[in-house]
Amino acid sequence: MSGRLTSFDIAGARDLLDAGETSSIELTEAYLKAMEAGRDLNAFITEVPEAALERARTSDERRAQGETLGPLDGIPIAVKDLFCTEGVPTTAASHILDGFVPTYESTVTAKLWGAGAVMLGKTNLDEFAMGSANVTSYYGPVKNPWTLDDGKDRVPGGSSGGSAAAVAAHMAAAAIGTDTGGSIRQPGSFCGIVGAKPTYGRCSRWGIVAFASSLDQAGPMTRTVRDSTIMLNAMAGHDPRDSTSADLAVPDFEAALTGEVKGLKVGIPKEYRVDGMDAEIEGLWSQGAEWLKTAGAEVVDISLPHTRYALPAYYIVAPAEASSNLARYDGVRYGLRVEADDLIKMYEETRGRGFGAEVRRRVLIGTYVLSAGYYDAYYIKAQKIRTLIRRDFSSAFEDVDVILAPATPFAAFAIGEKMDDPVQMYLNDVFTVPASLAGLPAMSVPAGLSAEGLPLGLQLIAKAFDEETMFRAAGVVEEAAGFDAAPALRVGGRS
C-alpha cells in the first residue's frame, strides 16, 4: 500500500485525500518509509518524521471538519537545506553552519506550511548552492536514482540535487529548490523531473541563505508540469521584507494548462547550438520544436547574439556577490568557531576549515574581481554584458512568445568525472545561465532518454512574469513526450 501511495503526484494525491481514500498520515508514513529505504542516495541532510506526522495529523483533523487550506493540504514535500526553517537545523550543506537552528521561517516555506504542506526533511545540496553536480556538500555527494549497468553512480545535478533525487526516487511528492544559474532546471533534467525557475522577484528570497542575491530564486521541483503550477501558486507572492519581491498579483498558474498553443510563436535560438553538445540532445531539441509545431505553434528561428558571453559573465557576477554574502560567516555570531590566539587568526581558521574547496575558490574569484584595479575591468564589464543579454531576450520576445532550448549539454555523468576541471563543471550551466542573468522564468521538462537510458530535458523560457505561457507550452511538450520511464533506484513505488 505504501509503495502505491508514493506513486501519486500532487494532483493525484490531492484527489485521493479529497475523496477520503487515504489520509495525510498514511501518505506521510509511506514517504517516511521510502526515505528510510532510500538513505543510500544521501538525498536528505535532516529528516523530521515526528514533526511531519504532527503536521499530517493536523491536516487530517481539518479535513474531518470539512476544511482545507488549499491543494497542498496534507501533501508531504521536501525542502532544500538552503531555506531557513524555524526550529530545524539549516546547514546550506556547509561545515561552517554547524549547529545553526533558525528562530524564524523563510517566507516561501511559511507560505507552503500555510497552504497545509507537510515537511518531510531538508535535502542535500552543493555547499552554499555552489556547484552543478551535488558533489561539494560537506555531507557527501547525492546519488542520482538513475543508474546504468556500468556500476557507476551518477550525479543528480546541482545545486538542488538532493531535492531532485528525492522527487525522482518517490521519496517526496515534490520539493523546493533554488536556482541561481540553473540549479533547479539542470538537476531536473538529470533526474527526469520537472524543474521550474520563476521570474526573479516572483518568490521571496527572505530567509533563504544567500549565494548571489541578484540571481537566487526559489522554485518547485515536481513530477509533472501541473504539480509545478500547484506548488508555485502556494510559493509565490509579494513580501515587503524582500526589496526585490515583485508587488504583483499571483495568477492561477494551474488554469494556464489549457493544452492549447495554436498560434503561439516559439523561438529557436541559433546560439544554443554549442560545440560539444551531444547529438541526441540536438535531436531531442528538434523533436520538441516539431511537437509544438504539430500542436499548432509557429516555430521561429531567433538570435540571442550575446549568449556566448553569458557563462563568463555569470562566473564573475555570481562569485562577486558570493564573496560579499559569505563575509558574514566569521565564527563570531553563529555556526562553526575555530578558536585561535587572536581575532584575525580565528577568522582565518574558521573560514579555512568551515568552507569547502569550491566555496573558497568562488570567494577568492569574487574578491579578486571586486578588488581595486580589477573592479572596472571585470565586474563592471560583466554587468554591462548582463544588460546586453537582457536586451537580447527583450528583442527576441518582440517576435516570439516563448523560447525552446536544451536544458543541459549532456546527460548525467558519473560521480567523480569532471571534478578535476572546474571549467568543465561550469559548462553544465551553459544553457541555463542566460535566462538567470536576464531574470526570466524558465523550466526544464523531461522529454526523452539518451541512448544509454538516462533522462534528457528540454527548456522553456518566457517573458518576465509570464509563467502562464511557459507552463502552457511546457504542458504541451510534456504531453507529446509522454515521458514515463522510471529510474532503477526508485524506492517509493512505481507509477
Protein backbone atom coordinates (compact mmCIF):
# COMPACT_ATOMS: atom_id res chain seq x y z
CA MET A 1 0.00 0.00 0.00
CA SER A 2 2.77 2.45 0.92
CA GLY A 3 4.51 1.95 -2.43
CA ARG A 4 1.23 2.63 -4.22
CA LEU A 5 0.64 5.83 -2.26
CA THR A 6 4.04 7.28 -3.13
CA SER A 7 3.38 6.71 -6.83
CA PHE A 8 0.80 9.50 -6.90
CA ASP A 9 1.82 13.00 -7.90
CA ILE A 10 0.46 16.05 -6.05
CA ALA A 11 -2.66 16.27 -8.18
CA GLY A 12 -3.36 12.56 -7.75
CA ALA A 13 -2.72 12.58 -4.00
CA ARG A 14 -4.95 15.66 -3.69
CA ASP A 15 -7.78 13.73 -5.35
CA LEU A 16 -7.26 10.76 -3.02
CA LEU A 17 -7.33 12.99 0.04
CA ASP A 18 -10.38 14.89 -1.17
CA ALA A 19 -12.23 11.60 -1.81
CA GLY A 20 -11.29 10.24 1.62
CA GLU A 21 -9.48 7.27 0.05
CA THR A 22 -6.37 7.93 2.14
CA SER A 23 -5.23 10.26 4.91
CA SER A 24 -2.30 12.60 5.19
CA ILE A 25 -0.90 10.41 7.97
CA GLU A 26 -0.98 7.34 5.70
CA LEU A 27 0.60 9.32 2.88
CA THR A 28 3.30 10.75 5.14
CA GLU A 29 4.10 7.37 6.68
CA ALA A 30 4.53 5.94 3.17
CA TYR A 31 7.03 8.64 2.28
CA LEU A 32 8.89 8.25 5.56
CA LYS A 33 9.34 4.55 4.77
CA ALA A 34 10.57 5.45 1.29
CA MET A 35 13.06 7.91 2.77
CA GLU A 36 14.37 5.21 5.08
CA ALA A 37 14.70 2.74 2.22
CA GLY A 38 16.48 5.32 0.06
CA ARG A 39 19.05 6.68 2.50
CA ASP A 40 21.86 5.34 0.34
CA LEU A 41 21.06 8.12 -2.14
CA ASN A 42 22.06 10.66 0.54
CA ALA A 43 19.27 12.97 -0.63
CA PHE A 44 18.44 14.28 2.86
CA ILE A 45 20.61 16.03 5.42
CA THR A 46 17.93 16.30 8.11
CA GLU A 47 14.77 14.20 8.47
CA VAL A 48 11.87 15.35 10.67
CA PRO A 49 9.50 12.36 10.93
CA GLU A 50 7.82 13.39 14.19
CA ALA A 51 7.11 16.92 13.00
CA ALA A 52 5.90 15.56 9.64
CA LEU A 53 3.40 13.22 11.28
CA GLU A 54 2.16 16.03 13.53
CA ARG A 55 1.52 18.28 10.52
CA ALA A 56 -0.20 15.38 8.77
CA ARG A 57 -2.39 14.75 11.83
CA THR A 58 -3.40 18.41 11.90
CA SER A 59 -4.27 18.27 8.20
CA ASP A 60 -6.45 15.21 8.71
CA GLU A 61 -8.26 16.96 11.56
CA ARG A 62 -9.02 19.89 9.27
CA ARG A 63 -10.41 17.58 6.60
CA ALA A 64 -12.55 15.78 9.17
CA GLN A 65 -14.18 19.16 9.85
CA GLY A 66 -14.70 19.80 6.16
CA GLU A 67 -11.88 22.35 5.89
CA THR A 68 -8.67 22.51 3.88
CA LEU A 69 -6.02 25.19 3.41
CA GLY A 70 -5.67 24.50 -0.31
CA PRO A 71 -4.49 21.90 -2.84
CA LEU A 72 -1.28 21.20 -0.91
CA ASP A 73 -3.03 20.42 2.37
CA GLY A 74 -1.61 17.16 3.69
CA ILE A 75 0.91 16.69 0.84
CA PRO A 76 4.41 15.59 2.02
CA ILE A 77 7.24 17.60 0.43
CA ALA A 78 11.00 18.09 0.86
CA VAL A 79 12.85 21.37 1.38
CA LYS A 80 16.31 22.23 0.09
CA ASP A 81 18.53 22.89 3.09
CA LEU A 82 19.08 26.48 1.98
CA PHE A 83 15.69 27.61 3.29
CA CYS A 84 15.67 28.66 6.92
CA THR A 85 13.16 26.58 8.88
CA GLU A 86 12.21 27.57 12.40
CA GLY A 87 13.49 25.07 14.97
CA VAL A 88 15.04 22.80 12.32
CA PRO A 89 18.78 22.92 11.52
CA THR A 90 19.72 24.79 8.34
CA THR A 91 23.18 23.89 7.09
CA ALA A 92 23.49 25.05 3.45
CA ALA A 93 25.47 21.76 3.27
CA SER A 94 28.42 23.57 4.87
CA HIS A 95 30.56 22.78 7.90
CA ILE A 96 30.62 26.49 8.75
CA LEU A 97 26.91 26.44 9.70
CA ASP A 98 27.29 23.62 12.21
CA GLY A 99 24.72 23.98 14.96
CA PHE A 100 22.70 26.76 13.32
CA VAL A 101 18.99 26.40 14.12
CA PRO A 102 16.92 29.35 12.82
CA THR A 103 14.43 31.06 15.10
CA TYR A 104 12.44 32.17 12.06
CA GLU A 105 10.86 30.70 8.92
CA SER A 106 11.66 31.65 5.33
CA THR A 107 8.77 33.31 3.50
CA VAL A 108 8.50 30.55 0.90
CA THR A 109 8.35 27.72 3.44
CA ALA A 110 5.95 29.71 5.63
CA LYS A 111 3.64 30.05 2.63
CA LEU A 112 3.84 26.30 1.99
CA TRP A 113 3.03 25.44 5.60
CA GLY A 114 0.22 27.99 5.44
CA ALA A 115 -1.11 26.02 2.46
CA GLY A 116 -1.05 22.84 4.55
CA ALA A 117 2.03 21.13 3.09
CA VAL A 118 3.91 18.63 5.26
CA MET A 119 7.71 18.88 5.56
CA LEU A 120 9.49 15.52 5.44
CA GLY A 121 13.02 16.90 5.83
CA LYS A 122 15.80 19.11 4.48
CA THR A 123 17.55 17.96 1.31
CA ASN A 124 21.23 17.83 0.46
CA LEU A 125 22.81 20.33 -1.94
CA ASP A 126 26.11 21.65 -3.19
CA GLU A 127 27.69 23.71 -0.41
CA PHE A 128 26.04 27.15 -0.35
CA ALA A 129 24.44 26.13 -3.68
CA MET A 130 27.83 26.39 -5.41
CA GLY A 131 28.03 23.52 -7.86
CA SER A 132 26.21 21.73 -10.63
CA ALA A 133 26.68 18.11 -9.60
CA ASN A 134 25.84 17.98 -5.86
CA VAL A 135 29.32 16.74 -5.02
CA THR A 136 30.58 19.73 -2.99
CA SER A 137 28.35 19.13 0.05
CA TYR A 138 30.05 18.76 3.43
CA TYR A 139 27.65 15.85 3.97
CA GLY A 140 28.82 13.94 0.92
CA PRO A 141 27.55 13.61 -2.66
CA VAL A 142 23.97 12.79 -3.60
CA LYS A 143 23.41 9.83 -5.92
CA ASN A 144 21.10 10.08 -8.88
CA PRO A 145 18.43 7.33 -8.67
CA TRP A 146 19.00 6.75 -12.40
CA THR A 147 21.74 4.13 -12.85
CA LEU A 148 23.33 2.17 -15.67
CA ASP A 149 24.86 -1.29 -15.82
CA ASP A 150 28.42 0.10 -15.59
CA GLY A 151 28.24 0.16 -11.79
CA LYS A 152 28.94 3.90 -11.57
CA ASP A 153 26.78 6.22 -9.52
CA ARG A 154 25.60 9.27 -11.47
CA VAL A 155 25.39 12.84 -10.23
CA PRO A 156 21.84 14.20 -9.76
CA GLY A 157 22.90 17.66 -10.91
CA GLY A 158 23.17 20.64 -8.66
CA SER A 159 22.90 22.54 -6.62
CA SER A 160 19.38 21.26 -5.85
CA GLY A 161 20.41 17.65 -6.41
CA GLY A 162 19.00 16.31 -3.15
CA SER A 163 15.57 17.73 -3.95
CA ALA A 164 15.70 16.32 -7.49
CA ALA A 165 16.80 12.87 -6.33
CA ALA A 166 14.12 12.78 -3.62
CA VAL A 167 11.35 13.57 -6.12
CA ALA A 168 12.67 11.20 -8.81
CA ALA A 169 13.01 8.35 -6.30
CA HIS A 170 9.48 8.98 -4.94
CA MET A 171 10.85 9.87 -1.50
CA ALA A 172 8.75 13.06 -1.59
CA ALA A 173 5.68 14.09 -3.55
CA ALA A 174 7.53 17.27 -4.56
CA ALA A 175 10.33 19.51 -3.33
CA ILE A 176 11.55 23.07 -3.45
CA GLY A 177 14.95 24.23 -4.61
CA THR A 178 16.74 27.41 -5.55
CA ASP A 179 18.06 28.38 -8.94
CA THR A 180 20.96 30.82 -9.32
CA GLY A 181 22.35 29.77 -12.70
CA GLY A 182 20.39 26.60 -13.39
CA SER A 183 20.31 24.83 -10.03
CA ILE A 184 16.66 23.73 -10.41
CA ARG A 185 16.50 23.16 -14.16
CA GLN A 186 19.75 21.22 -14.58
CA PRO A 187 19.12 18.65 -11.78
CA GLY A 188 15.53 18.41 -13.02
CA SER A 189 16.85 17.37 -16.42
CA PHE A 190 19.44 14.97 -14.98
CA CYS A 191 16.85 13.24 -12.76
CA GLY A 192 13.91 13.15 -15.19
CA ILE A 193 11.61 15.53 -13.29
CA VAL A 194 10.13 18.99 -13.88
CA GLY A 195 12.17 21.90 -12.53
CA ALA A 196 10.82 25.46 -12.72
CA LYS A 197 12.60 28.75 -12.03
CA PRO A 198 10.05 31.55 -11.82
CA THR A 199 10.79 35.16 -12.73
CA TYR A 200 13.28 36.83 -10.39
CA GLY A 201 11.09 38.51 -7.78
CA ARG A 202 8.10 36.16 -8.14
CA CYS A 203 9.04 34.30 -4.94
CA SER A 204 10.51 35.98 -1.88
CA ARG A 205 14.18 35.41 -1.10
CA TRP A 206 13.67 36.31 2.58
CA GLY A 207 15.00 33.53 4.80
CA ILE A 208 16.97 31.80 2.03
CA VAL A 209 20.69 31.51 2.69
CA ALA A 210 22.14 33.83 0.07
CA PHE A 211 24.59 32.83 -2.67
CA ALA A 212 24.19 35.57 -5.33
CA SER A 213 21.43 37.95 -4.33
CA SER A 214 20.66 39.33 -7.80
CA LEU A 215 20.24 35.81 -9.20
CA ASP A 216 18.89 33.46 -6.48
CA GLN A 217 15.27 32.43 -6.94
CA ALA A 218 13.18 29.72 -5.29
CA GLY A 219 11.16 27.31 -7.40
CA PRO A 220 9.30 23.97 -7.41
CA MET A 221 10.69 20.56 -8.34
CA THR A 222 7.92 18.15 -9.23
CA ARG A 223 6.91 15.09 -11.22
CA THR A 224 4.60 16.93 -13.60
CA VAL A 225 4.02 20.38 -15.04
CA ARG A 226 0.62 20.53 -13.31
CA ASP A 227 2.26 19.84 -9.94
CA SER A 228 4.70 22.65 -10.67
CA THR A 229 1.83 25.10 -11.15
CA ILE A 230 0.20 23.97 -7.90
CA MET A 231 3.42 24.43 -5.96
CA LEU A 232 4.24 27.82 -7.46
CA ASN A 233 0.78 29.17 -6.66
CA ALA A 234 1.46 28.42 -2.99
CA MET A 235 5.06 29.73 -3.01
CA ALA A 236 4.68 32.99 -4.93
CA GLY A 237 3.60 36.43 -3.79
CA HIS A 238 4.85 39.82 -2.69
CA ASP A 239 6.88 40.05 0.52
CA PRO A 240 7.63 43.52 1.97
CA ARG A 241 10.66 42.04 3.76
CA ASP A 242 12.34 41.39 0.40
CA SER A 243 13.09 44.57 -1.55
CA THR A 244 13.39 42.56 -4.78
CA SER A 245 9.98 40.91 -4.33
CA ALA A 246 7.54 41.95 -7.05
CA ASP A 247 4.32 43.56 -5.87
CA LEU A 248 2.19 41.73 -8.42
CA ALA A 249 -0.88 39.54 -8.14
CA VAL A 250 -0.24 35.82 -8.46
CA PRO A 251 -2.28 34.33 -11.32
CA ASP A 252 -3.85 30.88 -11.24
CA PHE A 253 -1.00 29.01 -12.87
CA GLU A 254 -2.86 25.69 -12.94
CA ALA A 255 -5.62 27.30 -15.02
CA ALA A 256 -2.98 28.15 -17.66
CA LEU A 257 -2.67 24.46 -18.60
CA THR A 258 -5.18 24.61 -21.42
CA GLY A 259 -3.25 22.31 -23.74
CA GLU A 260 -3.72 24.94 -26.45
CA VAL A 261 -0.71 26.55 -28.17
CA LYS A 262 -2.24 27.27 -31.56
CA GLY A 263 -0.72 30.49 -32.90
CA LEU A 264 1.96 30.61 -30.19
CA LYS A 265 5.32 31.69 -31.60
CA VAL A 266 8.20 29.54 -30.37
CA GLY A 267 11.73 30.86 -30.76
CA ILE A 268 14.70 28.59 -31.52
CA PRO A 269 17.94 30.43 -30.64
CA LYS A 270 20.74 29.55 -33.04
CA GLU A 271 23.42 30.43 -30.46
CA TYR A 272 22.35 27.49 -28.26
CA ARG A 273 23.90 25.08 -30.76
CA VAL A 274 27.25 24.90 -28.99
CA ASP A 275 30.40 22.90 -29.68
CA GLY A 276 30.46 19.61 -27.85
CA MET A 277 26.69 19.32 -27.43
CA ASP A 278 25.55 15.72 -27.64
CA ALA A 279 23.93 14.92 -30.99
CA GLU A 280 20.99 13.20 -29.33
CA ILE A 281 20.25 16.35 -27.32
CA GLU A 282 20.20 18.38 -30.52
CA GLY A 283 17.90 15.73 -31.98
CA LEU A 284 15.58 15.96 -28.98
CA TRP A 285 15.53 19.74 -29.32
CA SER A 286 14.39 19.40 -32.94
CA GLN A 287 11.78 16.88 -31.84
CA GLY A 288 10.49 19.31 -29.22
CA ALA A 289 10.08 22.01 -31.84
CA GLU A 290 8.18 19.55 -34.02
CA TRP A 291 5.86 18.62 -31.12
CA LEU A 292 4.94 22.26 -30.62
CA LYS A 293 4.55 22.81 -34.35
CA THR A 294 2.23 19.81 -34.61
CA ALA A 295 0.17 21.28 -31.76
CA GLY A 296 -0.34 24.46 -33.77
CA ALA A 297 2.54 26.67 -32.68
CA GLU A 298 4.70 28.58 -35.11
CA VAL A 299 8.42 27.82 -34.82
CA VAL A 300 10.68 30.82 -35.49
CA ASP A 301 14.48 30.98 -35.68
CA ILE A 302 15.83 33.74 -33.45
CA SER A 303 19.19 35.13 -32.42
CA LEU A 304 20.49 35.86 -28.93
CA PRO A 305 23.89 37.20 -30.02
CA HIS A 306 25.48 37.72 -26.61
CA THR A 307 24.76 34.17 -25.39
CA ARG A 308 28.41 33.13 -25.70
CA TYR A 309 29.37 35.72 -23.10
CA ALA A 310 26.75 34.59 -20.57
CA LEU A 311 28.80 31.90 -18.83
CA PRO A 312 31.94 34.02 -18.25
CA ALA A 313 29.80 36.98 -17.15
CA TYR A 314 27.89 34.76 -14.72
CA TYR A 315 31.11 33.38 -13.22
CA ILE A 316 32.19 36.94 -12.44
CA VAL A 317 28.89 38.32 -11.13
CA ALA A 318 27.90 35.30 -9.01
CA PRO A 319 31.27 34.85 -7.21
CA ALA A 320 31.46 38.61 -6.63
CA GLU A 321 28.11 38.56 -4.86
CA ALA A 322 29.04 35.36 -3.03
CA SER A 323 32.24 36.90 -1.66
CA SER A 324 30.13 39.69 -0.18
CA ASN A 325 27.33 37.46 1.13
CA LEU A 326 29.66 34.91 2.71
CA ALA A 327 31.66 37.53 4.59
CA ARG A 328 29.11 37.19 7.41
CA TYR A 329 30.38 33.70 8.28
CA ASP A 330 33.23 34.56 10.62
CA GLY A 331 32.80 32.32 13.67
CA VAL A 332 31.60 35.19 15.86
CA ARG A 333 27.80 35.10 15.79
CA TYR A 334 26.66 31.62 14.77
CA GLY A 335 27.86 28.34 13.30
CA LEU A 336 31.36 26.93 13.48
CA ARG A 337 34.06 28.67 15.51
CA VAL A 338 37.68 27.51 15.45
CA GLU A 339 39.41 29.03 18.48
CA ALA A 340 42.71 30.84 17.95
CA ASP A 341 45.09 33.19 19.77
CA ASP A 342 43.73 36.36 18.16
CA LEU A 343 40.63 37.54 16.27
CA ILE A 344 42.15 37.61 12.78
CA LYS A 345 43.55 34.11 13.22
CA MET A 346 40.14 32.92 14.43
CA TYR A 347 38.54 34.36 11.28
CA GLU A 348 41.12 32.66 9.09
CA GLU A 349 40.91 29.28 10.80
CA THR A 350 37.10 29.26 10.92
CA ARG A 351 36.66 30.19 7.28
CA GLY A 352 39.51 27.97 6.12
CA ARG A 353 38.14 24.89 7.82
CA GLY A 354 34.45 25.78 7.53
CA PHE A 355 34.29 26.38 3.78
CA GLY A 356 34.91 23.63 1.24
CA ALA A 357 37.21 23.91 -1.76
CA GLU A 358 34.59 25.10 -4.27
CA VAL A 359 33.26 27.79 -1.93
CA ARG A 360 36.79 29.01 -1.22
CA ARG A 361 37.51 29.09 -4.97
CA ARG A 362 34.45 31.22 -5.72
CA VAL A 363 35.04 33.57 -2.77
CA LEU A 364 38.60 34.12 -3.97
CA ILE A 365 37.42 34.77 -7.54
CA GLY A 366 34.77 37.16 -6.29
CA THR A 367 37.15 39.03 -4.03
CA TYR A 368 39.62 39.36 -6.89
CA VAL A 369 37.13 40.80 -9.39
CA LEU A 370 35.89 43.30 -6.80
CA SER A 371 39.36 44.43 -5.78
CA ALA A 372 40.87 47.82 -6.63
CA GLY A 373 42.26 47.82 -10.15
CA TYR A 374 40.08 44.93 -11.34
CA TYR A 375 36.55 46.10 -10.45
CA ASP A 376 36.11 48.05 -13.69
CA ALA A 377 37.93 45.52 -15.85
CA TYR A 378 35.90 42.51 -14.67
CA TYR A 379 32.83 43.20 -12.54
CA ILE A 380 31.57 46.33 -14.30
CA LYS A 381 32.21 44.77 -17.71
CA ALA A 382 30.30 41.63 -16.67
CA GLN A 383 27.36 43.75 -15.57
CA LYS A 384 27.37 45.53 -18.94
CA ILE A 385 27.31 42.16 -20.71
CA ARG A 386 24.41 41.14 -18.45
CA THR A 387 22.49 44.19 -19.69
CA LEU A 388 23.17 43.21 -23.29
CA ILE A 389 21.91 39.69 -22.62
CA ARG A 390 18.70 41.13 -21.16
CA ARG A 391 18.30 43.27 -24.28
CA ASP A 392 18.78 40.22 -26.50
CA PHE A 393 15.87 38.48 -24.79
CA SER A 394 13.70 41.62 -24.86
CA SER A 395 14.30 41.96 -28.57
CA ALA A 396 13.55 38.29 -29.20
CA PHE A 397 10.30 38.46 -27.24
CA GLU A 398 9.05 41.18 -29.55
CA ASP A 399 8.73 38.42 -32.16
CA VAL A 400 8.08 35.24 -30.13
CA ASP A 401 6.06 34.21 -27.07
CA VAL A 402 8.32 31.52 -25.65
CA ILE A 403 11.78 30.11 -26.34
CA LEU A 404 12.63 26.42 -26.62
CA ALA A 405 16.17 25.23 -25.86
CA PRO A 406 18.02 22.25 -24.41
CA ALA A 407 18.27 22.12 -20.62
CA THR A 408 21.76 20.57 -20.46
CA PRO A 409 24.55 19.83 -22.97
CA PHE A 410 24.70 16.16 -21.89
CA ALA A 411 23.04 13.57 -19.66
CA ALA A 412 24.03 12.91 -16.05
CA PHE A 413 27.69 11.93 -15.71
CA ALA A 414 29.36 9.66 -13.18
CA ILE A 415 30.30 10.96 -9.74
CA GLY A 416 33.99 11.87 -9.88
CA GLU A 417 34.04 12.78 -13.56
CA LYS A 418 34.90 16.40 -14.49
CA MET A 419 35.86 17.16 -10.88
CA ASP A 420 39.48 17.94 -11.78
CA ASP A 421 38.45 20.66 -14.24
CA PRO A 422 36.25 23.40 -12.75
CA VAL A 423 35.67 24.94 -16.18
CA GLN A 424 34.16 21.68 -17.46
CA MET A 425 31.90 21.63 -14.41
CA TYR A 426 30.81 25.21 -15.10
CA LEU A 427 29.85 24.23 -18.68
CA ASN A 428 26.97 22.22 -17.19
CA ASP A 429 25.15 25.55 -16.90
CA VAL A 430 25.74 26.80 -20.45
CA PHE A 431 22.04 26.63 -21.43
CA THR A 432 20.54 27.75 -18.13
CA VAL A 433 22.69 30.75 -17.17
CA PRO A 434 21.41 33.22 -19.82
CA ALA A 435 17.82 33.18 -18.51
CA SER A 436 19.14 33.59 -14.96
CA LEU A 437 21.18 36.65 -15.86
CA ALA A 438 18.07 38.12 -17.51
CA GLY A 439 15.84 37.24 -14.54
CA LEU A 440 13.38 35.35 -16.77
CA PRO A 441 11.12 32.40 -15.94
CA ALA A 442 12.47 29.12 -17.30
CA MET A 443 11.83 25.46 -16.70
CA SER A 444 13.06 22.02 -17.71
CA VAL A 445 10.71 19.24 -18.75
CA PRO A 446 11.77 15.58 -19.12
CA ALA A 447 11.39 14.76 -22.79
CA GLY A 448 13.29 11.56 -23.55
CA LEU A 449 16.10 9.16 -22.75
CA SER A 450 19.66 9.07 -24.00
CA ALA A 451 20.86 6.03 -25.93
CA GLU A 452 22.29 4.77 -22.64
CA GLY A 453 18.95 5.19 -20.88
CA LEU A 454 19.42 8.42 -18.90
CA PRO A 455 16.84 11.23 -18.88
CA LEU A 456 17.17 14.32 -21.08
CA GLY A 457 15.24 17.54 -20.66
CA LEU A 458 14.04 20.45 -22.77
CA GLN A 459 13.92 24.03 -21.50
CA LEU A 460 11.18 26.61 -21.96
CA ILE A 461 11.95 30.32 -21.38
CA ALA A 462 9.28 33.03 -21.25
CA LYS A 463 8.95 36.78 -20.78
CA ALA A 464 9.29 38.20 -17.29
CA PHE A 465 6.23 37.35 -15.15
CA ASP A 466 4.69 35.33 -17.96
CA GLU A 467 4.95 31.94 -16.28
CA GLU A 468 1.47 31.15 -17.63
CA THR A 469 2.72 30.96 -21.23
CA MET A 470 5.77 28.99 -20.10
CA PHE A 471 3.59 26.44 -18.30
CA ARG A 472 1.14 26.25 -21.22
CA ALA A 473 3.93 25.40 -23.68
CA ALA A 474 5.62 23.04 -21.19
CA GLY A 475 2.37 21.15 -20.71
CA VAL A 476 2.14 20.51 -24.45
CA VAL A 477 5.77 19.32 -24.59
CA GLU A 478 5.14 17.05 -21.60
CA GLU A 479 2.03 15.56 -23.19
CA ALA A 480 3.78 14.97 -26.52
CA ALA A 481 6.88 13.45 -24.92
CA GLY A 482 4.85 11.03 -22.81
CA PHE A 483 7.87 10.56 -20.54
CA ASP A 484 7.01 7.70 -18.19
CA ALA A 485 10.38 6.00 -17.69
CA ALA A 486 11.38 5.23 -14.11
CA PRO A 487 14.83 5.15 -12.51
CA ALA A 488 16.22 1.84 -11.33
CA LEU A 489 16.56 3.11 -7.75
CA ARG A 490 13.04 4.40 -7.29
CA VAL A 491 12.42 3.32 -3.71
CA GLY A 492 8.96 4.75 -3.19
CA GLY A 493 6.95 2.62 -5.61
CA ARG A 494 6.23 2.89 -9.32
CA SER A 495 3.51 4.86 -11.03
